[in-house]
Structures are given as structure tokens and as C-alpha cells.
Amino acid sequence: KDAKVLAFEEMGMEAIYEFEVKDMPVTVAVDTEGTSIHTTGPAKWRTI
């Protein structure tokens, strides 16, 4: 629905954005602590 730059606008796509979405499944790839699903996901999937 909407996107706005919160910080570092001069960095373009690397800026910090806030997104407002509606009816869209979303996966967070990196959380606020820097944990990446690209690291934790495959490790967890190997144990299944």
C-alpha cells in the first residue's frame, strides 16, 4: 500500500524503509538482531 524512507535516503535502495502492506504474506529475512533466515533456515531444515 505504501512505502516511506525512514532514514538514510541518500543511500537509495539501501535506505531504511517502512512498508505498509495489505493481504500479502511476508517473510522477514533479517530481524532486528541481525539474524538472517538465509543462515538459520537451512540449518534448521537439515534437522527435519
PDB file of N, CA and C in Angstrom:
ATOM      1  N   LYS A   1       0.805  -1.195   0.000  1.00  0.00           N
ATOM      2  CA  LYS A   1       0.000   0.000   0.000  1.00  0.00           C
ATOM      3  C   LYS A   1       0.847   1.257   0.000  1.00  0.00           C
ATOM      4  N   ASP A   2       1.897   1.260   0.826  1.00  0.00           N
ATOM      5  CA  ASP A   2       2.683   2.482   0.956  1.00  0.00           C
ATOM      6  C   ASP A   2       4.105   2.133   1.374  1.00  0.00           C
ATOM      7  N   ALA A   3       5.040   2.973   0.995  1.00  0.00           N
ATOM      8  CA  ALA A   3       6.432   2.832   1.426  1.00  0.00           C
ATOM      9  C   ALA A   3       6.982   4.219   1.682  1.00  0.00           C
ATOM     10  N   LYS A   4       7.715   4.361   2.776  1.00  0.00           N
ATOM     11  CA  LYS A   4       8.357   5.649   3.029  1.00  0.00           C
ATOM     12  C   LYS A   4       9.743   5.419   3.610  1.00  0.00           C
ATOM     13  N   VAL A   5      10.631   6.302   3.266  1.00  0.00           N
ATOM     14  CA  VAL A   5      12.004   6.234   3.756  1.00  0.00           C
ATOM     15  C   VAL A   5      12.037   6.804   5.165  1.00  0.00           C
ATOM     16  N   LEU A   6      12.595   6.031   6.102  1.00  0.00           N
ATOM     17  CA  LEU A   6      12.715   6.486   7.483  1.00  0.00           C
ATOM     18  C   LEU A   6      14.078   7.096   7.769  1.00  0.00           C
ATOM     19  N   ALA A   7      15.116   6.588   7.099  1.00  0.00           N
ATOM     20  CA  ALA A   7      16.473   7.078   7.357  1.00  0.00           C
ATOM     21  C   ALA A   7      17.370   6.758   6.170  1.00  0.00           C
ATOM     22  N   PHE A   8      18.444   7.525   6.033  1.00  0.00           N
ATOM     23  CA  PHE A   8      19.481   7.304   5.022  1.00  0.00           C
ATOM     24  C   PHE A   8      18.950   7.351   3.592  1.00  0.00           C
ATOM     25  N   GLU A   9      18.111   8.324   3.295  1.00  0.00           N
ATOM     26  CA  GLU A   9      17.517   8.460   1.964  1.00  0.00           C
ATOM     27  C   GLU A   9      18.569   8.519   0.860  1.00  0.00           C
ATOM     28  N   GLU A  10      19.721   9.114   1.168  1.00  0.00           N
ATOM     29  CA  GLU A  10      20.787   9.251   0.167  1.00  0.00           C
ATOM     30  C   GLU A  10      21.361   7.904  -0.274  1.00  0.00           C
ATOM     31  N   MET A  11      21.052   6.835   0.451  1.00  0.00           N
ATOM     32  CA  MET A  11      21.578   5.510   0.114  1.00  0.00           C
ATOM     33  C   MET A  11      20.686   4.741  -0.856  1.00  0.00           C
ATOM     34  N   GLY A  12      19.621   5.353  -1.330  1.00  0.00           N
ATOM     35  CA  GLY A  12      18.756   4.700  -2.309  1.00  0.00           C
ATOM     36  C   GLY A  12      18.108   3.443  -1.755  1.00  0.00           C
ATOM     37  N   MET A  13      18.293   2.330  -2.463  1.00  0.00           N
ATOM     38  CA  MET A  13      17.669   1.071  -2.049  1.00  0.00           C
ATOM     39  C   MET A  13      18.217   0.532  -0.726  1.00  0.00           C
ATOM     40  N   GLU A  14      19.344   1.018  -0.277  1.00  0.00           N
ATOM     41  CA  GLU A  14      19.917   0.596   0.999  1.00  0.00           C
ATOM     42  C   GLU A  14      19.370   1.413   2.173  1.00  0.00           C
ATOM     43  N   ALA A  15      18.528   2.396   1.892  1.00  0.00           N
ATOM     44  CA  ALA A  15      17.920   3.215   2.944  1.00  0.00           C
ATOM     45  C   ALA A  15      17.013   2.348   3.816  1.00  0.00           C
ATOM     46  N   ILE A  16      16.604   2.887   4.938  1.00  0.00           N
ATOM     47  CA  ILE A  16      15.678   2.176   5.823  1.00  0.00           C
ATOM     48  C   ILE A  16      14.263   2.620   5.468  1.00  0.00           C
ATOM     49  N   TYR A  17      13.454   1.646   5.089  1.00  0.00           N
ATOM     50  CA  TYR A  17      12.086   1.908   4.650  1.00  0.00           C
ATOM     51  C   TYR A  17      11.075   1.363   5.648  1.00  0.00           C
ATOM     52  N   GLU A  18       9.898   1.947   5.640  1.00  0.00           N
ATOM     53  CA  GLU A  18       8.744   1.399   6.339  1.00  0.00           C
ATOM     54  C   GLU A  18       7.721   1.068   5.258  1.00  0.00           C
ATOM     55  N   PHE A  19       7.244  -0.173   5.262  1.00  0.00           N
ATOM     56  CA  PHE A  19       6.265  -0.608   4.276  1.00  0.00           C
ATOM     57  C   PHE A  19       4.931  -0.869   4.949  1.00  0.00           C
ATOM     58  N   GLU A  20       3.871  -0.464   4.299  1.00  0.00           N
ATOM     59  CA  GLU A  20       2.525  -0.810   4.736  1.00  0.00           C
ATOM     60  C   GLU A  20       1.958  -1.740   3.672  1.00  0.00           C
ATOM     61  N   VAL A  21       1.604  -2.957   4.079  1.00  0.00           N
ATOM     62  CA  VAL A  21       1.085  -3.942   3.129  1.00  0.00           C
ATOM     63  C   VAL A  21      -0.300  -4.397   3.571  1.00  0.00           C
ATOM     64  N   LYS A  22      -1.063  -4.899   2.615  1.00  0.00           N
ATOM     65  CA  LYS A  22      -2.397  -5.403   2.911  1.00  0.00           C
ATOM     66  C   LYS A  22      -2.575  -6.722   2.174  1.00  0.00           C
ATOM     67  N   ASP A  23      -3.011  -7.734   2.919  1.00  0.00           N
ATOM     68  CA  ASP A  23      -3.314  -9.041   2.330  1.00  0.00           C
ATOM     69  C   ASP A  23      -2.144  -9.613   1.541  1.00  0.00           C
ATOM     70  N   MET A  24      -0.967  -9.548   2.111  1.00  0.00           N
ATOM     71  CA  MET A  24       0.216 -10.072   1.435  1.00  0.00           C
ATOM     72  C   MET A  24       1.065 -10.837   2.441  1.00  0.00           C
ATOM     73  N   PRO A  25       1.290 -12.128   2.207  1.00  0.00           N
ATOM     74  CA  PRO A  25       2.181 -12.855   3.115  1.00  0.00           C
ATOM     75  C   PRO A  25       3.603 -12.306   3.001  1.00  0.00           C
ATOM     76  N   VAL A  26       4.241 -12.119   4.123  1.00  0.00           N
ATOM     77  CA  VAL A  26       5.568 -11.510   4.150  1.00  0.00           C
ATOM     78  C   VAL A  26       6.508 -12.373   4.984  1.00  0.00           C
ATOM     79  N   THR A  27       7.723 -12.567   4.521  1.00  0.00           N
ATOM     80  CA  THR A  27       8.768 -13.241   5.280  1.00  0.00           C
ATOM     81  C   THR A  27       9.842 -12.221   5.601  1.00  0.00           C
ATOM     82  N   VAL A  28      10.182 -12.128   6.872  1.00  0.00           N
ATOM     83  CA  VAL A  28      11.248 -11.219   7.283  1.00  0.00           C
ATOM     84  C   VAL A  28      12.560 -11.974   7.164  1.00  0.00           C
ATOM     85  N   ALA A  29      13.445 -11.508   6.289  1.00  0.00           N
ATOM     86  CA  ALA A  29      14.699 -12.210   6.040  1.00  0.00           C
ATOM     87  C   ALA A  29      15.757 -11.931   7.102  1.00  0.00           C
ATOM     88  N   VAL A  30      15.761 -10.716   7.665  1.00  0.00           N
ATOM     89  CA  VAL A  30      16.729 -10.346   8.699  1.00  0.00           C
ATOM     90  C   VAL A  30      15.964  -9.627   9.801  1.00  0.00           C
ATOM     91  N   ASP A  31      16.076 -10.129  11.042  1.00  0.00           N
ATOM     92  CA  ASP A  31      15.347  -9.493  12.136  1.00  0.00           C
ATOM     93  C   ASP A  31      16.139  -8.348  12.758  1.00  0.00           C
ATOM     94  N   THR A  32      15.598  -7.751  13.812  1.00  0.00           N
ATOM     95  CA  THR A  32      16.220  -6.578  14.432  1.00  0.00           C
ATOM     96  C   THR A  32      17.543  -6.883  15.110  1.00  0.00           C
ATOM     97  N   GLU A  33      17.838  -8.161  15.336  1.00  0.00           N
ATOM     98  CA  GLU A  33      19.113  -8.551  15.949  1.00  0.00           C
ATOM     99  C   GLU A  33      20.135  -8.982  14.905  1.00  0.00           C
ATOM    100  N   GLY A  34      19.783  -8.890  13.628  1.00  0.00           N
ATOM    101  CA  GLY A  34      20.701  -9.252  12.559  1.00  0.00           C
ATOM    102  C   GLY A  34      20.686 -10.726  12.190  1.00  0.00           C
ATOM    103  N   THR A  35      19.775 -11.491  12.786  1.00  0.00           N
ATOM    104  CA  THR A  35      19.664 -12.910  12.462  1.00  0.00           C
ATOM    105  C   THR A  35      19.035 -13.058  11.078  1.00  0.00           C
ATOM    106  N   SER A  36      19.689 -13.813  10.214  1.00  0.00           N
ATOM    107  CA  SER A  36      19.229 -13.973   8.838  1.00  0.00           C
ATOM    108  C   SER A  36      18.586 -15.336   8.636  1.00  0.00           C
ATOM    109  N   ILE A  37      17.412 -15.346   8.019  1.00  0.00           N
ATOM    110  CA  ILE A  37      16.740 -16.604   7.716  1.00  0.00           C
ATOM    111  C   ILE A  37      17.548 -17.424   6.708  1.00  0.00           C
ATOM    112  N   HIS A  38      18.402 -16.758   5.933  1.00  0.00           N
ATOM    113  CA  HIS A  38      19.234 -17.457   4.955  1.00  0.00           C
ATOM    114  C   HIS A  38      20.315 -18.288   5.647  1.00  0.00           C
ATOM    115  N   THR A  39      20.610 -17.980   6.905  1.00  0.00           N
ATOM    116  CA  THR A  39      21.559 -18.762   7.703  1.00  0.00           C
ATOM    117  C   THR A  39      20.832 -19.763   8.587  1.00  0.00           C
ATOM    118  N   THR A  40      19.842 -19.291   9.331  1.00  0.00           N
ATOM    119  CA  THR A  40      19.151 -20.157  10.288  1.00  0.00           C
ATOM    120  C   THR A  40      18.214 -21.148   9.616  1.00  0.00           C
ATOM    121  N   GLY A  41      17.590 -20.738   8.516  1.00  0.00           N
ATOM    122  CA  GLY A  41      16.636 -21.608   7.830  1.00  0.00           C
ATOM    123  C   GLY A  41      17.246 -22.913   7.351  1.00  0.00           C
ATOM    124  N   PRO A  42      18.280 -22.868   6.495  1.00  0.00           N
ATOM    125  CA  PRO A  42      18.880 -24.111   6.013  1.00  0.00           C
ATOM    126  C   PRO A  42      19.411 -25.000   7.141  1.00  0.00           C
ATOM    127  N   ALA A  43      19.965 -24.404   8.192  1.00  0.00           N
ATOM    128  CA  ALA A  43      20.459 -25.202   9.321  1.00  0.00           C
ATOM    129  C   ALA A  43      19.301 -25.939   9.990  1.00  0.00           C
ATOM    130  N   LYS A  44      18.179 -25.269  10.155  1.00  0.00           N
ATOM    131  CA  LYS A  44      17.013 -25.894  10.774  1.00  0.00           C
ATOM    132  C   LYS A  44      16.421 -26.959   9.856  1.00  0.00           C
ATOM    133  N   TRP A  45      16.361 -26.676   8.556  1.00  0.00           N
ATOM    134  CA  TRP A  45      15.772 -27.622   7.616  1.00  0.00           C
ATOM    135  C   TRP A  45      16.580 -28.914   7.532  1.00  0.00           C
ATOM    136  N   ARG A  46      17.897 -28.848   7.751  1.00  0.00           N
ATOM    137  CA  ARG A  46      18.727 -30.062   7.715  1.00  0.00           C
ATOM    138  C   ARG A  46      18.360 -31.028   8.831  1.00  0.00           C
ATOM    139  N   THR A  47      17.805 -30.508   9.941  1.00  0.00           N
ATOM    140  CA  THR A  47      17.471 -31.373  11.074  1.00  0.00           C
ATOM    141  C   THR A  47      16.085 -31.985  10.948  1.00  0.00           C
ATOM    142  N   ILE A  48      15.323 -31.562   9.947  1.00  0.00           N
ATOM    143  CA  ILE A  48      13.955 -32.091   9.782  1.00  0.00           C
ATOM    144  C   ILE A  48      13.997 -33.402   9.035  1.00  0.00           C
TER     145      ILE A  48
END
